[in-house]
Protein backbone atom coordinates (compact mmCIF):
# COMPACT_ATOMS: atom_id res chain seq x y z
CA MET A 1 6.35 7.54 16.61
CA GLU A 2 8.90 9.92 15.37
CA ALA A 3 11.34 8.11 17.25
CA LEU A 4 10.66 5.15 15.26
CA LEU A 5 10.80 6.17 11.83
CA LYS A 6 13.98 8.01 12.43
CA ARG A 7 14.93 3.98 13.43
CA ILE A 8 13.64 2.57 10.21
CA SER A 9 15.48 5.34 7.84
CA LYS A 10 18.18 3.97 8.73
CA CYS A 11 17.88 0.28 8.41
CA ASN A 12 19.96 -0.64 6.69
CA GLU A 13 18.74 -4.85 6.66
CA CYS A 14 18.61 -5.52 2.85
CA LEU A 15 20.91 -3.04 1.62
CA ALA A 16 23.30 -5.92 -0.34
CA HIS A 17 19.98 -6.44 -2.34
CA LEU A 18 19.42 -2.62 -3.22
CA PRO A 19 20.83 -1.49 -5.97
CA LEU A 20 20.62 1.95 -5.34
CA GLY A 21 21.07 1.44 -1.54
CA THR A 22 18.30 2.27 1.29
CA ASN A 23 16.37 4.90 1.02
CA PRO A 24 13.22 3.50 3.09
CA ILE A 25 9.56 5.14 2.17
CA LEU A 26 6.28 5.01 4.09
CA THR A 27 4.88 7.98 6.85
CA ALA A 28 2.32 6.79 9.58
CA HIS A 29 1.26 9.00 12.40
CA PRO A 30 -0.47 7.09 15.79
CA LYS A 31 -3.63 9.24 14.64
CA SER A 32 -3.94 8.07 11.24
CA LYS A 33 -7.20 7.05 10.00
CA ILE A 34 -6.35 5.02 6.54
CA ILE A 35 -3.19 2.77 6.36
CA ILE A 36 -2.53 2.09 3.32
CA ILE A 37 -0.09 -1.71 2.40
CA GLY A 38 1.13 -1.27 -0.78
CA GLN A 39 3.58 -3.44 -2.38
CA ALA A 40 7.52 -1.69 -2.55
CA PRO A 41 8.25 2.33 -3.82
CA GLY A 42 9.33 2.36 -8.07
CA LEU A 43 12.37 3.88 -9.46
CA ALA A 44 10.29 7.42 -9.41
CA VAL A 45 9.26 7.01 -5.50
CA HIS A 46 12.67 6.52 -4.56
CA LYS A 47 14.29 9.16 -6.69
CA SER A 48 11.33 11.94 -5.18
CA SER A 49 11.54 10.18 -1.24
CA ILE A 50 7.75 10.52 -2.10
CA PRO A 51 5.30 7.57 -1.43
CA TRP A 52 3.18 7.34 -4.60
CA ASP A 53 4.08 9.68 -5.80
CA ASP A 54 3.64 8.25 -9.66
CA LYS A 55 0.97 7.21 -12.04
CA SER A 56 0.29 4.69 -9.48
CA GLY A 57 -0.20 6.92 -6.51
CA ASP A 58 -2.66 9.32 -9.23
CA THR A 59 -5.07 6.33 -9.76
CA LEU A 60 -5.52 5.39 -6.46
CA ARG A 61 -6.04 8.77 -5.04
CA GLU A 62 -8.95 8.93 -7.91
CA TRP A 63 -9.85 5.32 -6.46
CA LEU A 64 -9.99 6.60 -2.79
CA GLN A 65 -10.99 10.38 -3.91
CA LEU A 66 -8.93 11.22 -1.50
CA THR A 67 -7.36 14.98 -2.94
CA LYS A 68 -3.16 15.11 -1.86
CA THR A 69 -3.48 17.33 0.71
CA ASP A 70 -5.41 14.50 2.62
CA PHE A 71 -3.41 11.27 0.88
CA TYR A 72 0.12 13.24 2.67
CA ASN A 73 -1.73 13.90 5.80
CA PRO A 74 -0.72 11.47 7.81
CA GLU A 75 -2.98 11.93 10.45
CA LYS A 76 -5.46 10.81 8.34
CA VAL A 77 -3.21 8.29 6.03
CA ALA A 78 -0.34 5.90 6.81
CA LEU A 79 1.41 5.02 3.97
CA LEU A 80 3.26 1.51 4.77
CA PRO A 81 4.72 -0.61 1.90
CA MET A 82 5.18 -4.50 1.97
CA GLY A 83 9.31 -3.36 1.38
CA PHE A 84 10.36 0.10 2.35
CA CYS A 85 12.77 0.16 -0.33
CA TYR A 86 13.20 0.49 -4.35
CA PRO A 87 13.86 -3.50 -4.93
CA GLY A 88 15.31 -2.68 -8.13
CA ARG A 89 14.34 -3.85 -11.80
CA GLY A 90 13.57 -7.45 -12.95
CA LYS A 91 12.91 -9.15 -16.35
CA SER A 92 9.04 -7.72 -16.43
CA GLY A 93 9.12 -4.94 -13.86
CA ASP A 94 10.16 -3.47 -10.68
CA LEU A 95 11.24 -6.83 -8.40
CA PRO A 96 9.23 -8.36 -5.47
CA PRO A 97 8.83 -5.89 -1.93
CA ARG A 98 11.96 -7.36 0.16
CA LYS A 99 11.11 -10.18 2.42
CA GLU A 100 12.85 -8.53 5.50
CA CYS A 101 10.76 -5.40 5.67
CA ALA A 102 7.38 -6.69 7.06
CA PRO A 103 8.41 -8.82 9.63
CA LEU A 104 10.67 -6.76 10.57
CA TRP A 105 8.43 -3.17 11.04
CA HIS A 106 5.24 -3.69 10.32
CA ASP A 107 3.65 -4.76 13.96
CA LYS A 108 6.01 -1.88 15.40
CA VAL A 109 4.57 1.01 13.31
CA LEU A 110 1.07 -0.32 13.25
CA ASN A 111 0.85 -0.71 16.84
CA LEU A 112 1.51 3.21 17.37
CA ILE A 113 -1.19 3.75 15.45
CA GLU A 114 -4.23 4.55 17.82
CA ASN A 115 -7.40 4.03 16.37
CA ALA A 116 -7.18 3.39 12.40
CA THR A 117 -10.20 2.58 10.69
CA LEU A 118 -10.06 0.31 7.68
CA ILE A 119 -6.40 -1.16 6.30
CA VAL A 120 -6.27 -0.96 2.70
CA LEU A 121 -4.39 -3.90 1.19
CA ILE A 122 -2.77 -3.30 -2.54
CA GLY A 123 -1.88 -6.48 -4.41
CA LYS A 124 -1.03 -9.81 -3.55
CA TYR A 125 1.78 -9.42 -1.37
CA ALA A 126 -0.25 -7.57 1.42
CA GLN A 127 -3.15 -9.38 0.46
CA ASP A 128 -1.40 -12.83 0.68
CA TYR A 129 0.95 -11.67 4.36
CA TYR A 130 -2.20 -9.94 5.92
CA LEU A 131 -4.77 -11.99 5.00
CA GLY A 132 -3.22 -15.24 4.90
CA LYS A 133 -5.36 -18.53 4.14
CA SER A 134 -8.46 -16.22 3.90
CA ALA A 135 -7.01 -14.56 0.89
CA LYS A 136 -8.30 -16.26 -2.24
CA ARG A 137 -6.14 -18.09 -4.87
CA THR A 138 -5.70 -15.18 -7.19
CA LEU A 139 -5.54 -11.54 -7.07
CA THR A 140 -8.93 -11.36 -8.73
CA ASP A 141 -10.97 -13.94 -6.90
CA THR A 142 -9.38 -12.20 -3.60
CA VAL A 143 -10.74 -8.47 -5.21
CA ARG A 144 -14.57 -9.63 -6.40
CA LYS A 145 -15.24 -11.07 -2.96
CA TYR A 146 -13.83 -7.76 -1.32
CA GLU A 147 -16.89 -7.72 1.36
CA GLU A 148 -15.09 -11.22 2.50
CA TYR A 149 -12.85 -8.78 4.51
CA LEU A 150 -14.23 -5.41 4.90
CA PRO A 151 -15.19 -3.59 8.31
CA LYS A 152 -11.36 -4.38 8.65
CA TYR A 153 -9.71 -4.71 5.09
CA LEU A 154 -10.14 -2.97 1.71
CA VAL A 155 -9.01 -5.43 -1.14
CA LEU A 156 -7.80 -3.89 -4.47
CA PRO A 157 -5.31 -4.75 -7.29
CA HIS A 158 -1.88 -2.55 -7.73
CA PRO A 159 -3.23 0.80 -9.23
CA SER A 160 0.19 0.10 -11.73
CA PRO A 161 -0.48 1.44 -15.13
CA ARG A 162 1.32 -2.26 -15.94
CA ASN A 163 -2.46 -3.31 -14.91
CA ASN A 164 -4.39 -1.65 -17.54
CA ILE A 165 -4.86 -5.24 -19.19
CA TRP A 166 -5.96 -6.88 -15.68
CA LYS A 167 -8.92 -3.36 -15.44
CA ALA A 168 -9.34 -4.44 -19.22
CA LYS A 169 -10.58 -7.87 -18.63
CA ASN A 170 -12.47 -7.32 -14.80
CA ARG A 171 -14.32 -4.62 -16.07
CA TRP A 172 -16.65 -5.01 -12.78
CA PHE A 173 -13.68 -3.62 -11.13
CA GLU A 174 -14.44 -0.11 -11.78
CA HIS A 175 -18.16 -0.08 -11.86
CA GLU A 176 -18.93 -2.39 -9.23
CA VAL A 177 -15.92 -2.05 -6.64
CA ILE A 178 -14.42 1.64 -7.32
CA PRO A 179 -17.87 3.32 -6.20
CA GLU A 180 -18.14 0.59 -3.34
CA VAL A 181 -14.48 1.74 -1.93
CA GLN A 182 -15.69 5.70 -2.57
CA GLN A 183 -18.52 5.40 -0.50
CA ILE A 184 -16.31 3.90 2.34
CA VAL A 185 -13.79 6.19 2.12
CA LYS A 186 -16.19 9.17 1.91
CA ASN A 187 -18.30 7.34 5.53
CA LEU A 188 -14.71 7.74 7.26
CA GLN A 189 -15.48 11.69 7.58
CA PHE A 190 -12.03 12.09 8.27
């Protein structure tokens, strides 16, 4: 795994498309129990080089009821975005993750993780990529039917503050899904 992560750290496949250059941000270990697959690093994460080192990460850790110590222990949690580098800013937020990363690197990383018990798919990009045709038409429908994807996958919306409107419109998520999510993670007993 260490050799692969070093290769990824030197990847420049998308360099021409990245306004701030390459800075692949991910963590993984052969013993990772949970794999969290998100979108792409935001600007704050690009600057710190620490995955989920922003308000989205705070919310995600709260949803999962994981301490920072557990969350950032790669033997417990692998953090694997769909795009490893900050994609730049668009009109209404960050650009989508670059499409090159997942097909180029994900299988190589996942094949070295021996006994992961849960893959958390955050947001529509990860859900569409990994669920394929079993993903519902909308992210809301996919998250509402989260039980269909268990025990392998746990589907969540992105925890970004930009999704506060979605959370306000879908109060069932925090009342019904989050308690179940917390119980699932607690039952992993890692």
